Structures are given as structure tokens and as C-alpha cells.
């Protein structure tokens, strides 16, 4: 199901970095040391925003990368 808060996400399995782009702000964050099973559960979650808030936000070190820089 499409998320109303998360525009796009991607995962670098080798470096365990989850990238998330947000709808409202257009900001892009990278979350470090995210285990593959967390990404898999996030990817399959019906409510991605809820899963993100409960299992990723405030659980992993993160950094602001910048505004969205991709084309739909």
C-alpha cells in the first residue's frame, strides 16, 4: 500500500543503510546499521509510516542527506 508520509525508500544491504524520502518535507534521511530483517519487515508493512515510527525512528543512528533528488 502506498504511504502518505513516506515517498520512497531504498536499502543498501552491503552497508546496512536504509534511505527514506518523506512526502511532506521532501527530506531524505539515511539510517545506519539497519538489519536486513528490519528492512524486510518495513518493506512488507501495510502501514509503512506506522512501522517506521515504531521500529526505525529513534532506534537507529541517522543523518539528513538533503531534499529529494529523484524523478518519479
N, C-alpha and C. Protein backbone atom coordinates (compact mmCIF):
# COMPACT_ATOMS: atom_id res chain seq x y z
N UNK A 1 0.85 -1.18 0.00
CA UNK A 1 0.00 0.00 0.00
C UNK A 1 0.89 1.24 0.00
N UNK A 2 0.59 2.23 -0.82
CA UNK A 2 1.37 3.47 -0.81
C UNK A 2 1.24 4.18 0.54
N UNK A 3 2.28 4.83 0.94
CA UNK A 3 2.28 5.55 2.21
C UNK A 3 1.98 7.03 1.97
N UNK A 4 1.29 7.63 2.92
CA UNK A 4 1.01 9.06 2.81
C UNK A 4 2.17 9.90 3.37
N UNK A 5 3.07 9.27 4.12
CA UNK A 5 4.17 10.03 4.71
C UNK A 5 5.53 9.69 4.11
N UNK A 6 5.69 8.49 3.59
CA UNK A 6 6.97 8.06 3.04
C UNK A 6 6.84 7.96 1.53
N UNK A 7 7.63 8.77 0.87
CA UNK A 7 7.55 8.84 -0.59
C UNK A 7 8.29 7.69 -1.27
N UNK A 8 9.48 7.40 -0.75
CA UNK A 8 10.33 6.38 -1.35
C UNK A 8 11.28 5.88 -0.28
N UNK A 9 11.75 4.65 -0.44
CA UNK A 9 12.78 4.12 0.44
C UNK A 9 13.63 3.15 -0.35
N UNK A 10 14.85 2.97 0.13
CA UNK A 10 15.79 2.07 -0.52
C UNK A 10 16.71 1.51 0.56
N UNK A 11 17.32 0.38 0.28
CA UNK A 11 18.17 -0.26 1.28
C UNK A 11 19.45 -0.76 0.63
N UNK A 12 20.57 -0.41 1.22
CA UNK A 12 21.88 -0.89 0.78
C UNK A 12 22.25 -2.04 1.72
N UNK A 13 22.03 -3.25 1.26
CA UNK A 13 22.22 -4.45 2.09
C UNK A 13 23.68 -4.60 2.53
N UNK A 14 24.63 -4.27 1.65
CA UNK A 14 26.05 -4.42 1.99
C UNK A 14 26.47 -3.51 3.13
N UNK A 15 25.96 -2.28 3.13
CA UNK A 15 26.33 -1.30 4.16
C UNK A 15 25.29 -1.16 5.25
N UNK A 16 24.15 -1.86 5.11
CA UNK A 16 23.06 -1.84 6.08
C UNK A 16 22.54 -0.42 6.31
N UNK A 17 22.37 0.32 5.20
CA UNK A 17 21.88 1.70 5.26
C UNK A 17 20.50 1.76 4.61
N UNK A 18 19.54 2.25 5.38
CA UNK A 18 18.18 2.45 4.89
C UNK A 18 18.01 3.92 4.55
N UNK A 19 17.64 4.21 3.31
CA UNK A 19 17.38 5.58 2.87
C UNK A 19 15.87 5.78 2.80
N UNK A 20 15.39 6.88 3.36
CA UNK A 20 13.96 7.17 3.36
C UNK A 20 13.73 8.60 2.93
N UNK A 21 12.83 8.79 1.96
CA UNK A 21 12.42 10.12 1.49
C UNK A 21 11.00 10.36 1.99
N UNK A 22 10.76 11.53 2.55
CA UNK A 22 9.45 11.85 3.13
C UNK A 22 8.63 12.74 2.21
N UNK A 23 7.32 12.54 2.24
CA UNK A 23 6.40 13.25 1.36
C UNK A 23 6.33 14.73 1.72
N UNK A 24 5.97 15.05 2.93
CA UNK A 24 5.68 16.44 3.32
C UNK A 24 6.89 17.36 3.19
N UNK A 25 8.04 16.92 3.70
CA UNK A 25 9.23 17.79 3.71
C UNK A 25 10.10 17.59 2.48
N UNK A 26 9.98 16.44 1.84
CA UNK A 26 10.87 16.12 0.72
C UNK A 26 12.26 15.75 1.18
N UNK A 27 12.46 15.68 2.50
CA UNK A 27 13.79 15.39 3.03
C UNK A 27 14.14 13.92 2.87
N UNK A 28 15.44 13.69 2.77
CA UNK A 28 16.00 12.34 2.60
C UNK A 28 16.91 12.07 3.79
N UNK A 29 16.65 10.98 4.49
CA UNK A 29 17.46 10.58 5.63
C UNK A 29 18.06 9.21 5.36
N UNK A 30 19.24 8.98 5.93
CA UNK A 30 19.87 7.67 5.91
C UNK A 30 19.97 7.16 7.34
N UNK A 31 19.56 5.92 7.53
CA UNK A 31 19.60 5.26 8.84
C UNK A 31 20.65 4.18 8.78
N UNK A 32 21.59 4.21 9.74
CA UNK A 32 22.74 3.31 9.74
C UNK A 32 22.49 2.04 10.53
N UNK A 33 23.19 0.99 10.13
CA UNK A 33 23.19 -0.30 10.82
C UNK A 33 21.81 -0.91 10.98
N UNK A 34 20.98 -0.76 9.94
CA UNK A 34 19.63 -1.35 9.95
C UNK A 34 19.74 -2.80 9.50
N UNK A 35 19.35 -3.74 10.35
CA UNK A 35 19.43 -5.15 9.96
C UNK A 35 18.50 -5.48 8.78
N UNK A 36 18.89 -6.43 7.96
CA UNK A 36 18.07 -6.79 6.79
C UNK A 36 16.64 -7.19 7.17
N UNK A 37 16.47 -7.85 8.31
CA UNK A 37 15.12 -8.27 8.71
C UNK A 37 14.22 -7.08 9.05
N UNK A 38 14.80 -5.99 9.53
CA UNK A 38 14.01 -4.78 9.78
C UNK A 38 13.57 -4.18 8.45
N UNK A 39 14.49 -4.13 7.48
CA UNK A 39 14.12 -3.62 6.16
C UNK A 39 13.03 -4.49 5.53
N UNK A 40 13.18 -5.79 5.60
CA UNK A 40 12.19 -6.70 5.01
C UNK A 40 10.82 -6.48 5.64
N UNK A 41 10.78 -6.34 6.95
CA UNK A 41 9.50 -6.10 7.64
C UNK A 41 8.93 -4.73 7.26
N UNK A 42 9.79 -3.73 7.14
CA UNK A 42 9.36 -2.39 6.74
C UNK A 42 8.77 -2.42 5.33
N UNK A 43 9.48 -3.09 4.43
CA UNK A 43 9.05 -3.19 3.04
C UNK A 43 7.69 -3.89 2.93
N UNK A 44 7.44 -4.89 3.77
CA UNK A 44 6.17 -5.62 3.70
C UNK A 44 5.06 -5.03 4.55
N UNK A 45 5.39 -4.05 5.39
CA UNK A 45 4.39 -3.49 6.30
C UNK A 45 3.24 -2.84 5.53
N UNK A 46 2.03 -3.07 6.00
CA UNK A 46 0.85 -2.47 5.39
C UNK A 46 0.88 -0.95 5.62
N UNK A 47 1.18 -0.55 6.86
CA UNK A 47 1.26 0.87 7.22
C UNK A 47 2.73 1.22 7.43
N UNK A 48 3.40 1.64 6.36
CA UNK A 48 4.83 1.91 6.42
C UNK A 48 5.18 3.04 7.39
N UNK A 49 4.36 4.08 7.42
CA UNK A 49 4.61 5.18 8.35
C UNK A 49 4.55 4.72 9.79
N UNK A 50 3.58 3.88 10.11
CA UNK A 50 3.46 3.35 11.47
C UNK A 50 4.64 2.46 11.80
N UNK A 51 5.01 1.57 10.88
CA UNK A 51 6.15 0.69 11.11
C UNK A 51 7.42 1.52 11.32
N UNK A 52 7.61 2.52 10.46
CA UNK A 52 8.78 3.40 10.57
C UNK A 52 8.83 4.04 11.96
N UNK A 53 7.71 4.61 12.40
CA UNK A 53 7.68 5.29 13.70
C UNK A 53 7.92 4.34 14.87
N UNK A 54 7.44 3.11 14.76
CA UNK A 54 7.55 2.17 15.87
C UNK A 54 8.86 1.39 15.90
N UNK A 55 9.49 1.18 14.73
CA UNK A 55 10.64 0.28 14.69
C UNK A 55 11.93 0.89 14.14
N UNK A 56 11.85 2.05 13.51
CA UNK A 56 13.06 2.62 12.90
C UNK A 56 13.39 3.98 13.51
N UNK A 57 12.43 4.89 13.50
CA UNK A 57 12.64 6.23 14.06
C UNK A 57 13.07 6.10 15.52
N UNK A 58 14.10 6.83 15.90
CA UNK A 58 14.65 6.83 17.26
C UNK A 58 15.27 5.50 17.67
N UNK A 59 15.46 4.57 16.72
CA UNK A 59 16.09 3.29 17.05
C UNK A 59 17.45 3.14 16.36
N UNK A 60 17.68 3.93 15.32
CA UNK A 60 18.93 3.82 14.56
C UNK A 60 19.52 5.21 14.36
N UNK A 61 20.85 5.25 14.35
CA UNK A 61 21.55 6.49 14.06
C UNK A 61 21.16 6.93 12.66
N UNK A 62 20.98 8.24 12.47
CA UNK A 62 20.56 8.73 11.16
C UNK A 62 21.21 10.07 10.84
N UNK A 63 21.13 10.41 9.57
CA UNK A 63 21.64 11.72 9.13
C UNK A 63 20.74 12.23 8.02
N UNK A 64 20.61 13.54 7.97
CA UNK A 64 19.86 14.21 6.92
C UNK A 64 20.77 14.30 5.70
N UNK A 65 20.30 13.79 4.58
CA UNK A 65 21.09 13.82 3.35
C UNK A 65 20.72 15.05 2.55
N UNK A 66 19.45 15.38 2.48
CA UNK A 66 19.01 16.55 1.73
C UNK A 66 17.63 16.33 1.15
N UNK A 67 17.18 17.27 0.37
CA UNK A 67 15.86 17.12 -0.24
C UNK A 67 15.83 16.00 -1.28
N UNK A 68 14.65 15.59 -1.62
CA UNK A 68 14.50 14.53 -2.63
C UNK A 68 15.18 14.96 -3.92
N UNK A 69 15.93 14.03 -4.50
CA UNK A 69 16.64 14.36 -5.73
C UNK A 69 16.40 13.26 -6.77
N UNK A 70 15.16 12.83 -6.85
CA UNK A 70 14.83 11.80 -7.83
C UNK A 70 13.60 12.19 -8.59
N UNK A 71 13.41 11.59 -9.71
CA UNK A 71 12.22 11.82 -10.52
C UNK A 71 11.31 10.61 -10.38
N UNK A 72 10.01 10.85 -10.27
CA UNK A 72 9.05 9.73 -10.20
C UNK A 72 8.87 9.11 -11.55
